[in-house]
Amino acid sequence: MLSLTDCLDFVDLDAATIEVIASHEDLPMIVAAELGHQLLGDLRGIFVLHQMHRTLIERAAEKGSLDDEKRLRAIYTAFNRKYPVPRQLT
């Protein structure tokens, strides 16, 4: 049986990004890890991951939660560095 740690080691995303997916989609971490793995499979999926990050940042800003917004921006910066926004979704 695979643990969450095993799954996170298999997926090419950090734990913070998996938490973003889990929060955005209201999923358990292990399911979010699988979804993240699938979304990394093509440019449209990478674009969706960017949108998830942006949505959570916007929600934190709307709530006035500066600490959460700052934390989410740092997570997004790291994600964007590794997976830039796709220029063409084909």
C-alpha atoms as a PDB file:
ATOM      1  CA  MET A   1       0.000   0.000   0.000  1.00  0.00           C
ATOM      2  CA  LEU A   2       1.293   3.462  -0.898  1.00  0.00           C
ATOM      3  CA  SER A   3       1.425   6.206   1.681  1.00  0.00           C
ATOM      4  CA  LEU A   4       0.830   9.889   1.032  1.00  0.00           C
ATOM      5  CA  THR A   5       4.602  10.412   1.205  1.00  0.00           C
ATOM      6  CA  ASP A   6       5.114   7.768  -1.487  1.00  0.00           C
ATOM      7  CA  CYS A   7       2.559   9.466  -3.722  1.00  0.00           C
ATOM      8  CA  LEU A   8       4.122  12.892  -3.185  1.00  0.00           C
ATOM      9  CA  ASP A   9       7.524  11.453  -4.118  1.00  0.00           C
ATOM     10  CA  PHE A  10       6.024  10.088  -7.343  1.00  0.00           C
ATOM     11  CA  VAL A  11       4.320  13.333  -8.373  1.00  0.00           C
ATOM     12  CA  ASP A  12       6.484  16.136  -9.746  1.00  0.00           C
ATOM     13  CA  LEU A  13       4.768  18.742  -7.536  1.00  0.00           C
ATOM     14  CA  ASP A  14       5.697  19.962  -4.088  1.00  0.00           C
ATOM     15  CA  ALA A  15       3.464  19.347  -1.097  1.00  0.00           C
ATOM     16  CA  ALA A  16       2.376  23.002  -0.994  1.00  0.00           C
ATOM     17  CA  THR A  17       1.015  22.819  -4.542  1.00  0.00           C
ATOM     18  CA  ILE A  18      -0.775  19.579  -3.703  1.00  0.00           C
ATOM     19  CA  GLU A  19      -2.341  21.445  -0.769  1.00  0.00           C
ATOM     20  CA  VAL A  20      -3.490  24.171  -3.191  1.00  0.00           C
ATOM     21  CA  ILE A  21      -5.170  21.543  -5.369  1.00  0.00           C
ATOM     22  CA  ALA A  22      -6.742  19.860  -2.336  1.00  0.00           C
ATOM     23  CA  SER A  23      -8.066  23.164  -1.032  1.00  0.00           C
ATOM     24  CA  HIS A  24      -9.335  24.379  -4.401  1.00  0.00           C
ATOM     25  CA  GLU A  25     -11.080  21.129  -5.255  1.00  0.00           C
ATOM     26  CA  ASP A  26     -12.005  20.145  -1.669  1.00  0.00           C
ATOM     27  CA  LEU A  27     -10.178  16.827  -1.979  1.00  0.00           C
ATOM     28  CA  PRO A  28      -8.057  14.693   0.322  1.00  0.00           C
ATOM     29  CA  MET A  29      -4.317  15.218  -0.223  1.00  0.00           C
ATOM     30  CA  ILE A  30      -3.757  11.791  -1.783  1.00  0.00           C
ATOM     31  CA  VAL A  31      -6.517  12.375  -4.358  1.00  0.00           C
ATOM     32  CA  ALA A  32      -5.187  15.886  -5.028  1.00  0.00           C
ATOM     33  CA  ALA A  33      -1.744  14.371  -5.668  1.00  0.00           C
ATOM     34  CA  GLU A  34      -3.217  12.079  -8.331  1.00  0.00           C
ATOM     35  CA  LEU A  35      -5.175  14.943  -9.888  1.00  0.00           C
ATOM     36  CA  GLY A  36      -2.035  17.092  -9.938  1.00  0.00           C
ATOM     37  CA  HIS A  37      -0.119  14.288 -11.630  1.00  0.00           C
ATOM     38  CA  GLN A  38      -2.793  14.005 -14.303  1.00  0.00           C
ATOM     39  CA  LEU A  39      -2.966  17.767 -14.858  1.00  0.00           C
ATOM     40  CA  LEU A  40       0.795  17.947 -15.425  1.00  0.00           C
ATOM     41  CA  GLY A  41       0.310  15.650 -18.408  1.00  0.00           C
ATOM     42  CA  ASP A  42      -0.538  18.417 -20.876  1.00  0.00           C
ATOM     43  CA  LEU A  43      -0.502  22.177 -21.356  1.00  0.00           C
ATOM     44  CA  ARG A  44      -4.204  22.603 -20.614  1.00  0.00           C
ATOM     45  CA  GLY A  45      -3.735  20.858 -17.284  1.00  0.00           C
ATOM     46  CA  ILE A  46      -0.801  23.110 -16.403  1.00  0.00           C
ATOM     47  CA  PHE A  47      -2.975  26.101 -17.252  1.00  0.00           C
ATOM     48  CA  VAL A  48      -5.690  24.746 -14.936  1.00  0.00           C
ATOM     49  CA  LEU A  49      -3.125  24.466 -12.132  1.00  0.00           C
ATOM     50  CA  HIS A  50      -2.174  28.108 -12.665  1.00  0.00           C
ATOM     51  CA  GLN A  51      -5.842  29.059 -12.427  1.00  0.00           C
ATOM     52  CA  MET A  52      -6.254  27.123  -9.179  1.00  0.00           C
ATOM     53  CA  HIS A  53      -3.371  29.042  -7.621  1.00  0.00           C
ATOM     54  CA  ARG A  54      -4.707  32.376  -8.828  1.00  0.00           C
ATOM     55  CA  THR A  55      -8.212  31.649  -7.578  1.00  0.00           C
ATOM     56  CA  LEU A  56      -7.012  30.849  -4.066  1.00  0.00           C
ATOM     57  CA  ILE A  57      -4.834  33.978  -4.025  1.00  0.00           C
ATOM     58  CA  GLU A  58      -7.859  36.073  -5.052  1.00  0.00           C
ATOM     59  CA  ARG A  59     -10.029  34.466  -2.374  1.00  0.00           C
ATOM     60  CA  ALA A  60      -7.439  35.201   0.309  1.00  0.00           C
ATOM     61  CA  ALA A  61      -7.187  38.810  -0.885  1.00  0.00           C
ATOM     62  CA  GLU A  62     -10.976  39.230  -0.861  1.00  0.00           C
ATOM     63  CA  LYS A  63     -11.111  37.924   2.716  1.00  0.00           C
ATOM     64  CA  GLY A  64      -8.322  40.294   3.720  1.00  0.00           C
ATOM     65  CA  SER A  65      -6.195  37.353   4.848  1.00  0.00           C
ATOM     66  CA  LEU A  66      -2.786  38.868   4.161  1.00  0.00           C
ATOM     67  CA  ASP A  67      -0.793  35.999   5.669  1.00  0.00           C
ATOM     68  CA  ASP A  68      -2.612  33.418   3.526  1.00  0.00           C
ATOM     69  CA  GLU A  69      -2.297  35.601   0.454  1.00  0.00           C
ATOM     70  CA  LYS A  70       1.446  36.011   1.004  1.00  0.00           C
ATOM     71  CA  ARG A  71       1.897  32.250   1.572  1.00  0.00           C
ATOM     72  CA  LEU A  72      -0.140  31.394  -1.546  1.00  0.00           C
ATOM     73  CA  ARG A  73       1.809  33.895  -3.652  1.00  0.00           C
ATOM     74  CA  ALA A  74       5.077  32.261  -2.565  1.00  0.00           C
ATOM     75  CA  ILE A  75       3.715  28.821  -3.491  1.00  0.00           C
ATOM     76  CA  TYR A  76       2.549  30.142  -6.844  1.00  0.00           C
ATOM     77  CA  THR A  77       5.893  31.808  -7.550  1.00  0.00           C
ATOM     78  CA  ALA A  78       7.690  28.488  -7.032  1.00  0.00           C
ATOM     79  CA  PHE A  79       5.149  26.647  -9.188  1.00  0.00           C
ATOM     80  CA  ASN A  80       5.355  29.260 -11.956  1.00  0.00           C
ATOM     81  CA  ARG A  81       9.150  29.049 -11.960  1.00  0.00           C
ATOM     82  CA  LYS A  82       8.982  25.300 -12.586  1.00  0.00           C
ATOM     83  CA  TYR A  83       5.903  25.334 -14.849  1.00  0.00           C
ATOM     84  CA  PRO A  84       5.513  28.672 -16.642  1.00  0.00           C
ATOM     85  CA  VAL A  85       2.095  29.624 -18.003  1.00  0.00           C
ATOM     86  CA  PRO A  86       1.706  27.845 -21.349  1.00  0.00           C
ATOM     87  CA  ARG A  87       1.688  30.282 -24.250  1.00  0.00           C
ATOM     88  CA  GLN A  88      -0.306  28.026 -26.534  1.00  0.00           C
ATOM     89  CA  LEU A  89      -2.805  25.415 -25.399  1.00  0.00           C
ATOM     90  CA  THR A  90      -2.571  22.844 -28.169  1.00  0.00           C
END
